[in-house]
Protein backbone atom coordinates (compact mmCIF):
# COMPACT_ATOMS: atom_id res chain seq x y z
CA UNK A 1 -5.34 18.91 -12.09
CA UNK A 2 -5.82 16.48 -14.79
CA UNK A 3 -2.59 17.73 -16.89
CA UNK A 4 -0.64 17.83 -13.83
CA UNK A 5 -1.54 13.89 -12.90
CA UNK A 6 -0.73 13.19 -16.51
CA UNK A 7 2.69 14.72 -16.27
CA UNK A 8 3.22 12.91 -13.15
CA UNK A 9 2.32 9.45 -14.46
CA UNK A 10 4.40 10.11 -17.59
CA UNK A 11 7.41 10.70 -15.47
CA UNK A 12 7.08 7.72 -12.99
CA UNK A 13 5.82 5.38 -15.64
CA UNK A 14 9.12 6.16 -17.88
CA UNK A 15 11.39 5.72 -15.21
CA UNK A 16 13.42 2.79 -14.98
CA UNK A 17 13.25 2.26 -11.13
CA UNK A 18 9.52 1.51 -11.57
CA UNK A 19 9.73 -1.03 -13.88
CA UNK A 20 12.99 -2.49 -12.44
CA UNK A 21 11.64 -2.76 -9.11
CA UNK A 22 8.04 -4.24 -10.44
CA UNK A 23 10.00 -6.55 -12.46
CA UNK A 24 12.06 -7.96 -9.48
CA UNK A 25 8.53 -8.75 -7.49
CA UNK A 26 7.02 -10.40 -10.62
CA UNK A 27 10.16 -12.62 -11.15
CA UNK A 28 10.18 -13.37 -7.57
CA UNK A 29 6.73 -14.50 -7.93
CA UNK A 30 7.20 -16.46 -11.23
CA UNK A 31 10.28 -18.14 -9.62
CA UNK A 32 8.71 -19.45 -6.53
CA UNK A 33 6.18 -21.60 -8.67
CA UNK A 34 9.04 -22.46 -11.02
CA UNK A 35 10.99 -24.02 -7.84
CA UNK A 36 7.53 -25.50 -7.04
CA UNK A 37 7.84 -27.51 -10.19
CA UNK A 38 11.15 -29.03 -9.29
CA UNK A 39 10.48 -30.13 -5.86
CA UNK A 40 6.96 -30.96 -6.03
CA UNK A 41 5.88 -27.77 -3.80
CA UNK A 42 2.59 -27.33 -6.00
CA UNK A 43 0.76 -23.74 -5.54
CA UNK A 44 -2.32 -23.77 -7.28
CA UNK A 45 -4.31 -20.60 -7.82
CA UNK A 46 -6.32 -20.96 -4.98
CA UNK A 47 -3.44 -21.39 -2.41
CA UNK A 48 -1.41 -18.78 -4.22
CA UNK A 49 -3.97 -16.16 -3.54
CA UNK A 50 -4.35 -17.26 0.09
CA UNK A 51 -0.64 -16.75 0.05
CA UNK A 52 -0.65 -13.19 -0.64
CA UNK A 53 -3.54 -12.74 1.90
CA UNK A 54 -1.33 -14.33 4.80
CA UNK A 55 1.47 -11.30 3.58
CA UNK A 56 -0.96 -8.55 3.91
CA UNK A 57 1.18 -6.61 6.00
CA UNK A 58 4.29 -7.31 4.05
CA UNK A 59 2.61 -5.54 1.36
CA UNK A 60 2.14 -2.18 3.13
CA UNK A 61 6.16 -2.00 3.15
CA UNK A 62 6.70 -3.03 -0.32
CA UNK A 63 4.53 0.11 -1.49
CA UNK A 64 6.98 2.31 0.41
CA UNK A 65 9.26 2.71 -2.63
CA UNK A 66 6.47 3.70 -4.92
CA UNK A 67 5.59 6.42 -2.26
CA UNK A 68 8.91 7.71 -1.89
CA UNK A 69 9.45 7.97 -5.90
CA UNK A 70 6.21 9.84 -6.37
CA UNK A 71 6.39 12.44 -3.42
CA UNK A 72 9.48 12.04 -0.97
CA UNK A 73 12.08 11.74 -3.77
CA UNK A 74 11.14 15.36 -4.78
CA UNK A 75 12.65 16.95 -1.44
CA UNK A 76 15.48 15.03 -1.94
CA UNK A 77 15.82 16.45 -5.68
CA UNK A 78 14.67 19.93 -4.76
CA UNK A 79 12.07 19.78 -7.38
CA UNK A 80 9.15 20.32 -5.26
CA UNK A 81 9.59 24.40 -5.30
CA UNK A 82 9.82 24.20 -9.20
CA UNK A 83 6.27 22.53 -9.09
CA UNK A 84 4.79 25.17 -6.95
CA UNK A 85 6.21 27.95 -8.50
CA UNK A 86 4.91 27.04 -11.61
CA UNK A 87 1.28 28.27 -10.69
CA UNK A 88 -0.12 24.85 -9.42
CA UNK A 89 -2.00 25.05 -6.21
CA UNK A 90 -0.55 23.21 -3.39
CA UNK A 91 -4.19 21.28 -2.59
CA UNK A 92 -3.73 20.01 -6.34
CA UNK A 93 -0.36 18.94 -6.01
CA UNK A 94 -1.32 16.96 -2.87
CA UNK A 95 -4.31 15.44 -4.30
CA UNK A 96 -2.40 14.65 -7.61
CA UNK A 97 0.34 12.96 -5.67
CA UNK A 98 -2.32 10.67 -3.92
CA UNK A 99 -3.87 9.69 -7.01
CA UNK A 100 -0.66 9.08 -9.22
CA UNK A 101 0.63 6.88 -5.97
CA UNK A 102 -2.64 5.06 -6.24
CA UNK A 103 -2.31 4.32 -9.93
CA UNK A 104 1.28 3.30 -9.62
CA UNK A 105 0.33 0.79 -6.58
CA UNK A 106 -2.34 -0.76 -8.40
CA UNK A 107 0.05 -1.14 -11.70
CA UNK A 108 2.64 -2.74 -9.59
CA UNK A 109 -0.04 -4.94 -7.77
CA UNK A 110 -2.05 -6.01 -10.91
CA UNK A 111 1.75 -7.03 -12.59
CA UNK A 112 3.03 -8.67 -9.60
CA UNK A 113 0.21 -10.46 -8.54
CA UNK A 114 -0.81 -11.22 -12.43
CA UNK A 115 2.42 -12.65 -12.81
CA UNK A 116 2.47 -14.94 -9.89
CA UNK A 117 -1.41 -16.35 -10.34
CA UNK A 118 -1.22 -16.94 -13.80
CA UNK A 119 1.97 -19.08 -13.28
CA UNK A 120 0.55 -20.68 -10.82
CA UNK A 121 -2.67 -21.38 -12.84
CA UNK A 122 -0.77 -22.47 -15.86
CA UNK A 123 1.33 -24.82 -13.79
CA UNK A 124 -0.55 -26.06 -11.26
CA UNK A 125 -4.30 -25.48 -12.13
CA UNK A 126 -7.08 -23.47 -9.91
CA UNK A 127 -7.05 -26.03 -6.95
CA UNK A 128 -9.27 -25.35 -4.35
CA UNK A 129 -12.02 -23.48 -5.94
CA UNK A 130 -13.74 -22.26 -2.43
CA UNK A 131 -10.56 -21.07 -1.24
CA UNK A 132 -9.95 -19.03 -4.66
CA UNK A 133 -12.99 -17.19 -4.36
CA UNK A 134 -12.44 -16.58 -0.68
CA UNK A 135 -9.16 -15.15 -1.13
CA UNK A 136 -9.97 -13.21 -4.05
CA UNK A 137 -12.83 -11.60 -1.96
CA UNK A 138 -10.42 -10.81 0.85
CA UNK A 139 -7.93 -9.04 -1.65
CA UNK A 140 -10.79 -6.64 -2.74
CA UNK A 141 -11.79 -5.94 0.79
CA UNK A 142 -8.21 -4.97 1.70
CA UNK A 143 -7.88 -2.61 -1.01
CA UNK A 144 -9.61 0.32 1.06
CA UNK A 145 -6.98 -0.27 3.90
CA UNK A 146 -4.28 -0.15 1.34
CA UNK A 147 -5.69 3.27 -0.08
CA UNK A 148 -5.57 4.36 3.40
CA UNK A 149 -2.24 3.19 4.15
CA UNK A 150 -1.02 5.20 0.91
CA UNK A 151 -2.84 8.31 2.15
CA UNK A 152 -0.94 8.01 5.30
CA UNK A 153 2.53 7.40 3.57
CA UNK A 154 2.05 10.60 1.55
CA UNK A 155 1.22 12.53 4.50
CA UNK A 156 4.38 11.67 5.88
CA UNK A 157 6.35 11.89 2.73
CA UNK A 158 4.90 15.47 2.45
CA UNK A 159 5.66 16.30 6.04
CA UNK A 160 9.18 15.17 6.26
CA UNK A 161 11.77 16.48 3.99
CA UNK A 162 14.40 13.94 4.46
CA UNK A 163 13.97 10.63 2.60
CA UNK A 164 15.73 8.29 5.38
CA UNK A 165 13.87 9.55 8.28
CA UNK A 166 10.49 9.43 6.05
CA UNK A 167 11.06 5.39 5.58
CA UNK A 168 11.81 5.11 9.17
CA UNK A 169 8.88 7.00 10.24
CA UNK A 170 6.45 5.09 7.86
CA UNK A 171 8.11 1.70 9.15
CA UNK A 172 7.53 3.10 12.61
CA UNK A 173 4.10 3.88 11.98
CA UNK A 174 3.02 0.25 10.51
CA UNK A 175 5.20 -1.78 12.46
CA UNK A 176 5.49 -0.60 16.12
CA UNK A 177 1.99 1.57 16.59
CA UNK A 178 0.00 -1.62 17.05
CA UNK A 179 2.38 -3.14 19.86
CA UNK A 180 2.56 0.29 21.69
CA UNK A 181 -1.45 0.50 21.45
CA UNK A 182 -1.63 -2.87 22.80
CA UNK A 183 0.80 -2.59 25.53
CA UNK A 184 -1.26 0.76 26.71
CA UNK A 185 -4.40 -1.24 26.49
CA UNK A 186 -3.22 -4.00 29.26
CA UNK A 187 -1.33 -1.46 31.52
CA UNK A 188 -3.39 1.83 30.91
CA UNK A 189 -6.66 1.37 30.08
CA UNK A 190 -8.70 -1.29 28.14
CA UNK A 191 -10.17 1.72 26.09
CA UNK A 192 -6.88 1.63 23.71
CA UNK A 193 -8.34 -1.66 22.60
CA UNK A 194 -10.81 0.54 20.36
CA UNK A 195 -8.12 2.23 18.84
CA UNK A 196 -6.14 -0.92 18.31
CA UNK A 197 -8.75 -2.68 16.60
CA UNK A 198 -9.15 -0.10 13.82
CA UNK A 199 -5.32 0.02 12.92
CA UNK A 200 -4.78 -0.95 9.01
CA UNK A 201 -2.31 -3.62 9.95
CA UNK A 202 -4.39 -5.06 12.85
CA UNK A 203 -7.49 -5.33 10.01
CA UNK A 204 -5.33 -6.57 7.31
CA UNK A 205 -4.10 -9.40 9.84
CA UNK A 206 -7.86 -10.14 10.65
CA UNK A 207 -8.29 -10.89 6.90
CA UNK A 208 -6.19 -13.86 7.43
CA UNK A 209 -8.88 -15.63 9.14
CA UNK A 210 -10.98 -18.60 7.65
CA UNK A 211 -14.04 -16.39 7.62
CA UNK A 212 -15.00 -13.05 6.00
CA UNK A 213 -17.81 -11.65 7.72
CA UNK A 214 -19.99 -8.86 7.06
CA UNK A 215 -18.57 -7.01 10.22
CA UNK A 216 -14.93 -7.16 8.78
CA UNK A 217 -15.78 -6.14 5.73
CA UNK A 218 -17.99 -3.42 6.40
CA UNK A 219 -15.25 -1.78 9.09
CA UNK A 220 -12.34 -2.64 6.44
CA UNK A 221 -14.12 -0.50 3.97
CA UNK A 222 -15.12 2.11 6.18
CA UNK A 223 -11.89 2.25 8.04
CA UNK A 224 -10.10 2.59 4.61
CA UNK A 225 -12.21 5.46 3.39
CA UNK A 226 -12.07 7.38 6.87
CA UNK A 227 -8.26 6.84 6.93
CA UNK A 228 -8.11 8.31 3.18
CA UNK A 229 -10.06 11.42 3.74
CA UNK A 230 -8.60 12.28 7.29
CA UNK A 231 -4.66 12.00 5.92
CA UNK A 232 -5.72 13.79 2.81
CA UNK A 233 -6.93 16.46 4.48
CA UNK A 234 -4.07 16.57 6.91
CA UNK A 235 -1.98 16.39 4.05
CA UNK A 236 -3.43 19.33 2.37
CA UNK A 237 -3.25 21.49 5.66
CA UNK A 238 0.27 20.68 6.38
CA UNK A 239 1.43 21.23 2.80
CA UNK A 240 -0.26 24.55 2.41
CA UNK A 241 1.58 25.76 5.75
CA UNK A 242 4.97 24.33 4.83
CA UNK A 243 7.75 26.29 3.48
CA UNK A 244 9.09 24.64 0.18
CA UNK A 245 12.93 25.33 -0.30
């Protein structure tokens, strides 16, 4: 498994696509701060991290191209069959793809958030220290939920061969599901609220509140772990039964 992970990391880290994508978002963050210097819209570090918390749900969709690059694109290029025929077990492929995607997402986030935060700090200072600490903690708490989202995306990418359909399903799962379940809770049964409250997007939105309670923190961590384990197991089951062409 380790050798396969290394080869996948080498393959993806040496692609222009990843670095261009990461560079664009990093430059957008830098540009926002530079524009702030010209019109006195100062965004110190505390406020910068607070803005990142506010767009948590949007970040789920930003990760889509990375999941596509690592997993879904192999269906389009027809290279998945070569991987399987080389003797690597399908379970190893699933777990390795997931780990590689997580590493790439972390690299993307560290670089993009790092450029945005560092430029905010250098141009405008720290700002509200309490807000800085609170926002930094919320970002840490959100990580299990984002990892869970990646596991769901990996499952969808392995289950669906078509890249376009994969993208639409991914958007649908994270964009529409919460509204459907909310409607069901109002029209059918209040029991659907229990499902609604554990959705990844709903929990990420709850982190935007002023106070980070122990209940929100523990639920985010536990939910992220459960989502990750459940969809990794489902990915292995589906991929083991799937015919690779």
